[in-house]
């Protein structure tokens, strides 16, 4: 039979995610449990730690490397991938991770959902800063927006975002088979004030909605 070659690779910590990129799947990104990012362009034979190329935004201090929290690959373009950082700095690459640019979204990403057929479209959800502020002393950076789940839409790969809805519970793109692939479905609380309640079961205060124009 065919001889199988096994090569041992050592990372800084355990592997938490692997994504294969490109039409031939020869480029591989690995996220480790400590938030480092490794890249291979030869199907995993050789690896480079590229975390230090991804600097977080900081005021006054010298920029430091981000801690990667999630990798999301586009189903519409095998070369496009999004990296979420723990420090509210996030990156997009359209060339399999060769180069990166920052996403214009300064909040912590909760969910990032690429469109299934439009490479530049994506949905992004984030909880407001007030949610993170719970249990700690209020700082000057905190605003007066109550704790709630915000849903945004981008049609230019994160250069600009438009707000679809606030107080969102769940969301998804429409069904391609029903020719509704550009439609955004979501559920939201009807009462849009105060802190968003925790939802443990279905509630009469939650409505089902959809939009074909980004919530406008």
C-alpha atoms as a PDB file:
ATOM      1  CA  UNK A   1       0.000   0.000   0.000  1.00  0.00           C
ATOM      2  CA  UNK A   2       0.905   3.670  -0.128  1.00  0.00           C
ATOM      3  CA  UNK A   3       3.364   4.802   2.520  1.00  0.00           C
ATOM      4  CA  UNK A   4       1.980   7.410   4.903  1.00  0.00           C
ATOM      5  CA  UNK A   5       4.445  10.004   6.188  1.00  0.00           C
ATOM      6  CA  UNK A   6       3.856  11.341   9.688  1.00  0.00           C
ATOM      7  CA  UNK A   7       5.522  14.560  10.859  1.00  0.00           C
ATOM      8  CA  UNK A   8       5.382  15.909  14.393  1.00  0.00           C
ATOM      9  CA  UNK A   9       4.514  19.605  14.762  1.00  0.00           C
ATOM     10  CA  UNK A  10       4.826  21.573  17.995  1.00  0.00           C
ATOM     11  CA  UNK A  11       2.669  24.615  18.775  1.00  0.00           C
ATOM     12  CA  UNK A  12       2.711  26.855  21.861  1.00  0.00           C
ATOM     13  CA  UNK A  13      -0.389  25.116  23.271  1.00  0.00           C
ATOM     14  CA  UNK A  14      -3.173  22.729  22.281  1.00  0.00           C
ATOM     15  CA  UNK A  15      -5.057  23.250  18.994  1.00  0.00           C
ATOM     16  CA  UNK A  16      -8.543  24.747  19.395  1.00  0.00           C
ATOM     17  CA  UNK A  17      -9.454  25.250  15.713  1.00  0.00           C
ATOM     18  CA  UNK A  18      -8.203  24.355  12.220  1.00  0.00           C
ATOM     19  CA  UNK A  19      -9.344  25.952   8.938  1.00  0.00           C
ATOM     20  CA  UNK A  20      -8.276  24.869   5.428  1.00  0.00           C
ATOM     21  CA  UNK A  21      -8.253  27.699   2.872  1.00  0.00           C
ATOM     22  CA  UNK A  22      -8.015  28.048  -0.901  1.00  0.00           C
ATOM     23  CA  UNK A  23      -9.483  25.985  -3.697  1.00  0.00           C
ATOM     24  CA  UNK A  24      -6.822  23.300  -3.231  1.00  0.00           C
ATOM     25  CA  UNK A  25      -7.022  23.474   0.597  1.00  0.00           C
ATOM     26  CA  UNK A  26      -3.226  23.738   0.794  1.00  0.00           C
ATOM     27  CA  UNK A  27      -3.236  26.752   3.140  1.00  0.00           C
ATOM     28  CA  UNK A  28      -4.069  25.947   6.756  1.00  0.00           C
ATOM     29  CA  UNK A  29      -4.706  28.210   9.756  1.00  0.00           C
ATOM     30  CA  UNK A  30      -4.440  26.870  13.302  1.00  0.00           C
ATOM     31  CA  UNK A  31      -5.711  28.659  16.392  1.00  0.00           C
ATOM     32  CA  UNK A  32      -4.271  27.475  19.699  1.00  0.00           C
ATOM     33  CA  UNK A  33      -5.881  27.519  23.124  1.00  0.00           C
ATOM     34  CA  UNK A  34      -3.641  30.447  24.104  1.00  0.00           C
ATOM     35  CA  UNK A  35      -4.920  32.515  21.168  1.00  0.00           C
ATOM     36  CA  UNK A  36      -1.900  32.235  18.876  1.00  0.00           C
ATOM     37  CA  UNK A  37      -2.331  31.885  15.097  1.00  0.00           C
ATOM     38  CA  UNK A  38      -0.195  29.625  12.905  1.00  0.00           C
ATOM     39  CA  UNK A  39      -0.224  29.417   9.109  1.00  0.00           C
ATOM     40  CA  UNK A  40       0.954  26.766   6.674  1.00  0.00           C
ATOM     41  CA  UNK A  41       0.984  27.036   2.883  1.00  0.00           C
ATOM     42  CA  UNK A  42       2.005  23.425   2.196  1.00  0.00           C
ATOM     43  CA  UNK A  43      -0.858  21.464   3.765  1.00  0.00           C
ATOM     44  CA  UNK A  44       0.711  21.476   7.220  1.00  0.00           C
ATOM     45  CA  UNK A  45       4.290  20.409   6.530  1.00  0.00           C
ATOM     46  CA  UNK A  46       5.750  23.730   7.678  1.00  0.00           C
ATOM     47  CA  UNK A  47       4.267  26.376   9.968  1.00  0.00           C
ATOM     48  CA  UNK A  48       4.769  30.056  10.771  1.00  0.00           C
ATOM     49  CA  UNK A  49       3.450  31.824  13.867  1.00  0.00           C
ATOM     50  CA  UNK A  50       1.856  34.959  12.356  1.00  0.00           C
ATOM     51  CA  UNK A  51       0.244  36.299  15.546  1.00  0.00           C
ATOM     52  CA  UNK A  52       2.747  39.140  15.887  1.00  0.00           C
ATOM     53  CA  UNK A  53       1.606  40.532  12.522  1.00  0.00           C
ATOM     54  CA  UNK A  54      -1.843  41.139  14.021  1.00  0.00           C
ATOM     55  CA  UNK A  55      -1.624  44.107  16.379  1.00  0.00           C
ATOM     56  CA  UNK A  56      -4.463  45.237  18.623  1.00  0.00           C
ATOM     57  CA  UNK A  57      -5.558  48.863  18.893  1.00  0.00           C
ATOM     58  CA  UNK A  58      -4.230  50.583  22.000  1.00  0.00           C
ATOM     59  CA  UNK A  59      -4.110  54.157  23.232  1.00  0.00           C
ATOM     60  CA  UNK A  60      -0.704  55.480  24.233  1.00  0.00           C
ATOM     61  CA  UNK A  61       1.027  52.132  24.646  1.00  0.00           C
ATOM     62  CA  UNK A  62       2.863  50.315  21.882  1.00  0.00           C
ATOM     63  CA  UNK A  63       0.535  47.922  19.993  1.00  0.00           C
ATOM     64  CA  UNK A  64       0.674  44.306  21.120  1.00  0.00           C
ATOM     65  CA  UNK A  65      -0.404  41.116  19.386  1.00  0.00           C
ATOM     66  CA  UNK A  66      -4.052  40.107  19.559  1.00  0.00           C
ATOM     67  CA  UNK A  67      -5.381  37.009  21.264  1.00  0.00           C
ATOM     68  CA  UNK A  68      -7.361  35.128  18.616  1.00  0.00           C
ATOM     69  CA  UNK A  69     -10.772  33.967  19.861  1.00  0.00           C
ATOM     70  CA  UNK A  70     -12.296  32.588  16.657  1.00  0.00           C
ATOM     71  CA  UNK A  71     -11.614  31.931  12.965  1.00  0.00           C
ATOM     72  CA  UNK A  72     -14.512  32.131  10.505  1.00  0.00           C
ATOM     73  CA  UNK A  73     -14.099  31.061   6.855  1.00  0.00           C
ATOM     74  CA  UNK A  74     -16.359  32.357   4.089  1.00  0.00           C
ATOM     75  CA  UNK A  75     -18.444  29.689   2.305  1.00  0.00           C
ATOM     76  CA  UNK A  76     -18.633  31.993  -0.741  1.00  0.00           C
ATOM     77  CA  UNK A  77     -14.872  32.499  -1.138  1.00  0.00           C
ATOM     78  CA  UNK A  78     -12.338  29.912   0.012  1.00  0.00           C
ATOM     79  CA  UNK A  79      -9.672  32.640   0.224  1.00  0.00           C
ATOM     80  CA  UNK A  80     -11.595  34.886   2.645  1.00  0.00           C
ATOM     81  CA  UNK A  81     -11.385  34.478   6.414  1.00  0.00           C
ATOM     82  CA  UNK A  82     -12.188  36.568   9.503  1.00  0.00           C
ATOM     83  CA  UNK A  83     -10.255  36.591  12.774  1.00  0.00           C
ATOM     84  CA  UNK A  84     -11.878  37.808  15.982  1.00  0.00           C
ATOM     85  CA  UNK A  85      -9.621  39.141  18.724  1.00  0.00           C
ATOM     86  CA  UNK A  86     -10.245  39.218  22.463  1.00  0.00           C
ATOM     87  CA  UNK A  87      -9.196  42.878  22.633  1.00  0.00           C
ATOM     88  CA  UNK A  88     -11.936  44.167  20.285  1.00  0.00           C
ATOM     89  CA  UNK A  89      -9.541  44.237  17.332  1.00  0.00           C
ATOM     90  CA  UNK A  90     -10.523  41.977  14.442  1.00  0.00           C
ATOM     91  CA  UNK A  91      -9.067  41.201  11.008  1.00  0.00           C
ATOM     92  CA  UNK A  92     -10.153  40.158   7.509  1.00  0.00           C
ATOM     93  CA  UNK A  93      -8.034  38.467   4.844  1.00  0.00           C
ATOM     94  CA  UNK A  94      -9.027  37.828   1.230  1.00  0.00           C
ATOM     95  CA  UNK A  95      -5.833  35.997   0.250  1.00  0.00           C
ATOM     96  CA  UNK A  96      -5.783  33.007   2.616  1.00  0.00           C
ATOM     97  CA  UNK A  97      -4.103  34.894   5.445  1.00  0.00           C
ATOM     98  CA  UNK A  98      -1.157  36.283   3.467  1.00  0.00           C
ATOM     99  CA  UNK A  99      -2.158  39.845   4.382  1.00  0.00           C
ATOM    100  CA  UNK A 100      -4.732  41.220   6.819  1.00  0.00           C
ATOM    101  CA  UNK A 101      -6.700  44.424   7.353  1.00  0.00           C
ATOM    102  CA  UNK A 102      -8.609  45.526  10.425  1.00  0.00           C
ATOM    103  CA  UNK A 103     -12.361  45.206  10.663  1.00  0.00           C
ATOM    104  CA  UNK A 104     -14.104  48.501  11.423  1.00  0.00           C
ATOM    105  CA  UNK A 105     -15.890  47.125  14.448  1.00  0.00           C
ATOM    106  CA  UNK A 106     -14.537  47.944  17.904  1.00  0.00           C
ATOM    107  CA  UNK A 107     -16.861  45.741  19.942  1.00  0.00           C
ATOM    108  CA  UNK A 108     -16.379  42.153  21.051  1.00  0.00           C
ATOM    109  CA  UNK A 109     -17.731  39.887  18.298  1.00  0.00           C
ATOM    110  CA  UNK A 110     -20.291  37.388  19.555  1.00  0.00           C
ATOM    111  CA  UNK A 111     -21.213  35.822  16.183  1.00  0.00           C
ATOM    112  CA  UNK A 112     -19.892  36.448  12.664  1.00  0.00           C
ATOM    113  CA  UNK A 113     -21.885  34.867   9.827  1.00  0.00           C
ATOM    114  CA  UNK A 114     -20.690  35.140   6.229  1.00  0.00           C
ATOM    115  CA  UNK A 115     -23.258  35.169   3.416  1.00  0.00           C
ATOM    116  CA  UNK A 116     -23.420  31.821   1.615  1.00  0.00           C
ATOM    117  CA  UNK A 117     -22.927  33.193  -1.902  1.00  0.00           C
ATOM    118  CA  UNK A 118     -21.936  36.881  -1.655  1.00  0.00           C
ATOM    119  CA  UNK A 119     -18.259  37.052  -0.606  1.00  0.00           C
ATOM    120  CA  UNK A 120     -18.411  40.609   0.765  1.00  0.00           C
ATOM    121  CA  UNK A 121     -21.584  40.235   2.826  1.00  0.00           C
ATOM    122  CA  UNK A 122     -21.727  39.183   6.470  1.00  0.00           C
ATOM    123  CA  UNK A 123     -23.810  39.496   9.624  1.00  0.00           C
ATOM    124  CA  UNK A 124     -22.131  40.416  12.893  1.00  0.00           C
ATOM    125  CA  UNK A 125     -23.601  40.436  16.371  1.00  0.00           C
ATOM    126  CA  UNK A 126     -22.178  41.994  19.515  1.00  0.00           C
ATOM    127  CA  UNK A 127     -23.283  42.643  23.063  1.00  0.00           C
ATOM    128  CA  UNK A 128     -23.025  46.278  24.161  1.00  0.00           C
ATOM    129  CA  UNK A 129     -20.331  47.447  26.574  1.00  0.00           C
ATOM    130  CA  UNK A 130     -22.892  47.613  29.379  1.00  0.00           C
ATOM    131  CA  UNK A 131     -23.085  43.799  29.317  1.00  0.00           C
ATOM    132  CA  UNK A 132     -19.342  43.552  29.931  1.00  0.00           C
ATOM    133  CA  UNK A 133     -19.562  46.233  32.624  1.00  0.00           C
ATOM    134  CA  UNK A 134     -21.926  44.196  34.779  1.00  0.00           C
ATOM    135  CA  UNK A 135     -20.257  43.244  38.026  1.00  0.00           C
ATOM    136  CA  UNK A 136     -17.517  45.845  37.769  1.00  0.00           C
ATOM    137  CA  UNK A 137     -17.222  49.536  38.524  1.00  0.00           C
ATOM    138  CA  UNK A 138     -18.434  51.810  35.726  1.00  0.00           C
ATOM    139  CA  UNK A 139     -15.580  53.516  33.846  1.00  0.00           C
ATOM    140  CA  UNK A 140     -15.367  56.682  31.772  1.00  0.00           C
ATOM    141  CA  UNK A 141     -15.299  54.554  28.592  1.00  0.00           C
ATOM    142  CA  UNK A 142     -18.745  53.087  29.272  1.00  0.00           C
ATOM    143  CA  UNK A 143     -21.735  54.684  27.559  1.00  0.00           C
ATOM    144  CA  UNK A 144     -25.358  54.776  28.698  1.00  0.00           C
ATOM    145  CA  UNK A 145     -26.601  52.156  26.203  1.00  0.00           C
ATOM    146  CA  UNK A 146     -28.324  49.317  28.097  1.00  0.00           C
ATOM    147  CA  UNK A 147     -27.046  45.759  27.861  1.00  0.00           C
ATOM    148  CA  UNK A 148     -28.451  44.228  24.670  1.00  0.00           C
ATOM    149  CA  UNK A 149     -27.534  42.095  21.653  1.00  0.00           C
ATOM    150  CA  UNK A 150     -26.968  44.190  18.494  1.00  0.00           C
ATOM    151  CA  UNK A 151     -27.087  42.823  14.934  1.00  0.00           C
ATOM    152  CA  UNK A 152     -25.136  44.507  12.112  1.00  0.00           C
ATOM    153  CA  UNK A 153     -24.804  43.947   8.360  1.00  0.00           C
ATOM    154  CA  UNK A 154     -21.774  44.624   6.183  1.00  0.00           C
ATOM    155  CA  UNK A 155     -21.720  44.477   2.377  1.00  0.00           C
ATOM    156  CA  UNK A 156     -18.068  45.465   1.967  1.00  0.00           C
ATOM    157  CA  UNK A 157     -16.260  42.921   4.153  1.00  0.00           C
ATOM    158  CA  UNK A 158     -16.257  44.958   7.322  1.00  0.00           C
ATOM    159  CA  UNK A 159     -15.321  48.388   6.013  1.00  0.00           C
ATOM    160  CA  UNK A 160     -18.759  49.706   6.983  1.00  0.00           C
ATOM    161  CA  UNK A 161     -21.626  48.316   9.063  1.00  0.00           C
ATOM    162  CA  UNK A 162     -25.332  49.147   9.275  1.00  0.00           C
ATOM    163  CA  UNK A 163     -27.486  48.307  12.288  1.00  0.00           C
ATOM    164  CA  UNK A 164     -30.188  45.742  11.491  1.00  0.00           C
ATOM    165  CA  UNK A 165     -31.779  45.515  14.931  1.00  0.00           C
ATOM    166  CA  UNK A 166     -31.140  45.771  18.656  1.00  0.00           C
ATOM    167  CA  UNK A 167     -32.308  43.395  21.407  1.00  0.00           C
ATOM    168  CA  UNK A 168     -31.764  40.437  19.049  1.00  0.00           C
ATOM    169  CA  UNK A 169     -32.063  36.838  20.248  1.00  0.00           C
ATOM    170  CA  UNK A 170     -31.240  34.717  17.166  1.00  0.00           C
ATOM    171  CA  UNK A 171     -30.546  35.424  13.495  1.00  0.00           C
ATOM    172  CA  UNK A 172     -29.679  33.746  10.193  1.00  0.00           C
ATOM    173  CA  UNK A 173     -29.465  34.256   6.452  1.00  0.00           C
ATOM    174  CA  UNK A 174     -32.428  33.139   4.343  1.00  0.00           C
ATOM    175  CA  UNK A 175     -32.733  29.840   2.507  1.00  0.00           C
ATOM    176  CA  UNK A 176     -31.027  29.619  -0.894  1.00  0.00           C
ATOM    177  CA  UNK A 177     -33.488  26.966  -2.094  1.00  0.00           C
ATOM    178  CA  UNK A 178     -36.337  29.437  -1.523  1.00  0.00           C
ATOM    179  CA  UNK A 179     -34.421  32.245  -3.302  1.00  0.00           C
ATOM    180  CA  UNK A 180     -34.259  34.141  -0.018  1.00  0.00           C
ATOM    181  CA  UNK A 181     -30.488  34.057   0.395  1.00  0.00           C
ATOM    182  CA  UNK A 182     -30.262  37.850   0.853  1.00  0.00           C
ATOM    183  CA  UNK A 183     -33.023  37.960   3.461  1.00  0.00           C
ATOM    184  CA  UNK A 184     -32.079  38.287   7.141  1.00  0.00           C
ATOM    185  CA  UNK A 185     -34.264  36.424   9.632  1.00  0.00           C
ATOM    186  CA  UNK A 186     -34.081  37.288  13.322  1.00  0.00           C
ATOM    187  CA  UNK A 187     -35.977  37.209  16.600  1.00  0.00           C
ATOM    188  CA  UNK A 188     -35.967  40.187  18.943  1.00  0.00           C
ATOM    189  CA  UNK A 189     -37.547  41.470  22.132  1.00  0.00           C
ATOM    190  CA  UNK A 190     -40.493  43.783  21.427  1.00  0.00           C
ATOM    191  CA  UNK A 191     -39.559  45.985  24.373  1.00  0.00           C
ATOM    192  CA  UNK A 192     -36.364  47.759  23.366  1.00  0.00           C
ATOM    193  CA  UNK A 193     -35.399  49.431  26.615  1.00  0.00           C
ATOM    194  CA  UNK A 194     -33.434  48.512  29.695  1.00  0.00           C
ATOM    195  CA  UNK A 195     -31.119  45.531  29.899  1.00  0.00           C
ATOM    196  CA  UNK A 196     -32.008  42.626  27.617  1.00  0.00           C
ATOM    197  CA  UNK A 197     -33.473  39.721  29.643  1.00  0.00           C
ATOM    198  CA  UNK A 198     -31.910  36.287  29.566  1.00  0.00           C
ATOM    199  CA  UNK A 199     -33.993  33.930  27.448  1.00  0.00           C
ATOM    200  CA  UNK A 200     -34.129  30.355  28.755  1.00  0.00           C
ATOM    201  CA  UNK A 201     -37.329  29.364  26.936  1.00  0.00           C
ATOM    202  CA  UNK A 202     -39.703  30.842  24.354  1.00  0.00           C
ATOM    203  CA  UNK A 203     -41.260  34.124  25.450  1.00  0.00           C
ATOM    204  CA  UNK A 204     -44.327  36.063  24.301  1.00  0.00           C
ATOM    205  CA  UNK A 205     -42.124  39.161  24.486  1.00  0.00           C
ATOM    206  CA  UNK A 206     -40.000  37.903  21.561  1.00  0.00           C
ATOM    207  CA  UNK A 207     -41.075  38.456  17.950  1.00  0.00           C
ATOM    208  CA  UNK A 208     -39.964  36.807  14.709  1.00  0.00           C
ATOM    209  CA  UNK A 209     -38.996  39.236  11.931  1.00  0.00           C
ATOM    210  CA  UNK A 210     -37.136  39.485   8.656  1.00  0.00           C
ATOM    211  CA  UNK A 211     -35.690  42.210   6.477  1.00  0.00           C
ATOM    212  CA  UNK A 212     -34.758  42.389   2.802  1.00  0.00           C
ATOM    213  CA  UNK A 213     -33.058  45.784   3.048  1.00  0.00           C
ATOM    214  CA  UNK A 214     -30.773  45.498   6.050  1.00  0.00           C
ATOM    215  CA  UNK A 215     -33.335  46.713   8.566  1.00  0.00           C
ATOM    216  CA  UNK A 216     -33.957  50.085   6.946  1.00  0.00           C
END
